[in-house]
Protein backbone atom coordinates (compact mmCIF):
# COMPACT_ATOMS: atom_id res chain seq x y z
CA UNK A 1 -0.03 0.04 -0.05
CA UNK A 2 1.20 3.45 -0.83
CA UNK A 3 1.87 5.91 1.85
CA UNK A 4 1.13 9.51 0.82
CA UNK A 5 2.47 12.67 2.63
CA UNK A 6 -0.79 14.84 2.75
CA UNK A 7 1.20 18.03 3.50
CA UNK A 8 3.63 17.55 0.77
CA UNK A 9 0.77 16.77 -1.56
CA UNK A 10 -1.18 19.94 -0.31
CA UNK A 11 1.82 22.00 -1.42
CA UNK A 12 1.80 20.37 -4.73
CA UNK A 13 -2.02 21.13 -5.24
CA UNK A 14 -1.39 24.67 -4.23
CA UNK A 15 1.33 25.10 -6.78
CA UNK A 16 -0.82 23.41 -9.35
CA UNK A 17 -3.64 25.88 -8.50
CA UNK A 18 -1.21 28.66 -8.85
CA UNK A 19 0.09 27.54 -12.37
CA UNK A 20 -3.49 26.76 -13.51
CA UNK A 21 -4.60 30.33 -13.02
CA UNK A 22 -1.49 31.52 -14.91
CA UNK A 23 -2.36 29.04 -17.58
CA UNK A 24 -5.85 30.55 -17.96
CA UNK A 25 -4.33 33.94 -18.04
CA UNK A 26 -1.97 32.73 -20.79
CA UNK A 27 -4.98 31.42 -22.78
CA UNK A 28 -6.76 34.84 -22.57
CA UNK A 29 -3.44 36.43 -23.78
CA UNK A 30 -3.24 33.87 -26.61
CA UNK A 31 -6.71 34.93 -27.74
CA UNK A 32 -5.90 38.55 -27.65
CA UNK A 33 -2.62 37.91 -29.49
CA UNK A 34 -4.38 35.96 -32.18
CA UNK A 35 -6.97 38.90 -32.62
CA UNK A 36 -4.10 41.31 -32.84
CA UNK A 37 -2.22 39.03 -35.44
CA UNK A 38 -5.25 38.54 -37.54
CA UNK A 39 -5.56 42.22 -38.03
CA UNK A 40 -1.86 42.41 -39.03
CA UNK A 41 -2.17 39.68 -41.35
CA UNK A 42 -4.96 41.41 -43.16
CA UNK A 43 -2.67 44.34 -43.47
CA UNK A 44 0.26 42.30 -44.55
CA UNK A 45 -1.77 40.60 -47.36
CA UNK A 46 -3.05 44.05 -48.44
CA UNK A 47 -2.04 46.25 -51.45
CA UNK A 48 -1.41 49.03 -48.81
CA UNK A 49 1.32 47.04 -47.08
CA UNK A 50 3.10 46.39 -50.48
CA UNK A 51 2.98 50.19 -51.13
CA UNK A 52 4.11 50.82 -47.66
CA UNK A 53 7.05 48.51 -47.82
CA UNK A 54 7.88 49.69 -51.23
CA UNK A 55 7.79 53.33 -50.34
CA UNK A 56 9.64 52.67 -47.19
CA UNK A 57 6.94 54.32 -45.10
CA UNK A 58 8.40 55.05 -41.73
CA UNK A 59 6.70 53.99 -38.39
CA UNK A 60 7.84 54.62 -34.99
CA UNK A 61 9.08 51.52 -33.35
CA UNK A 62 9.55 51.02 -29.56
CA UNK A 63 11.93 48.75 -27.87
CA UNK A 64 14.09 48.25 -31.13
CA UNK A 65 11.33 46.25 -32.57
CA UNK A 66 11.21 45.74 -36.31
CA UNK A 67 8.84 48.03 -38.37
CA UNK A 68 5.72 46.31 -39.61
CA UNK A 69 6.49 47.53 -43.11
CA UNK A 70 9.74 45.43 -43.09
CA UNK A 71 9.69 42.34 -45.20
CA UNK A 72 10.34 39.98 -42.34
CA UNK A 73 8.61 41.37 -39.18
CA UNK A 74 5.02 40.30 -39.98
CA UNK A 75 6.04 37.03 -41.76
CA UNK A 76 8.12 36.16 -38.54
CA UNK A 77 5.24 36.94 -36.38
CA UNK A 78 2.73 34.86 -38.28
CA UNK A 79 5.23 31.80 -38.39
CA UNK A 80 6.04 32.10 -34.67
CA UNK A 81 2.28 32.23 -33.86
CA UNK A 82 1.79 29.10 -35.85
CA UNK A 83 4.70 27.36 -34.37
CA UNK A 84 3.32 28.35 -30.89
CA UNK A 85 -0.13 27.01 -31.81
CA UNK A 86 1.51 23.67 -32.81
CA UNK A 87 3.43 23.61 -29.23
CA UNK A 88 0.07 24.38 -27.36
CA UNK A 89 -1.69 21.48 -29.32
CA UNK A 90 1.08 19.00 -28.59
CA UNK A 91 1.07 19.82 -25.02
CA UNK A 92 -2.65 19.50 -24.76
CA UNK A 93 -2.42 16.00 -26.64
CA UNK A 94 0.27 14.77 -24.36
CA UNK A 95 -1.88 15.32 -21.40
CA UNK A 96 -4.86 13.50 -23.12
CA UNK A 97 -2.73 10.70 -24.12
CA UNK A 98 -1.25 9.99 -20.65
């Protein structure tokens, strides 16, 4: 028969609860990020983006971020988002498959 340390398990539950709340926050942030990226993707696929890129339209960037009119910034954001989505799915599937 297994013997469990109830106090140690209580601490694990409390840590799980804390992490679970953080994961819920992360899911809300994920949805917000997806909405923002959807708007950016619409711009990136538009004629205006091509014109802005071609005409080297200057936009103010904070924290040394790349300009959305650069060739790589939005493309990288879209691929990063897709890769993150795949990681989220794999994490979820791993939990289900246990």
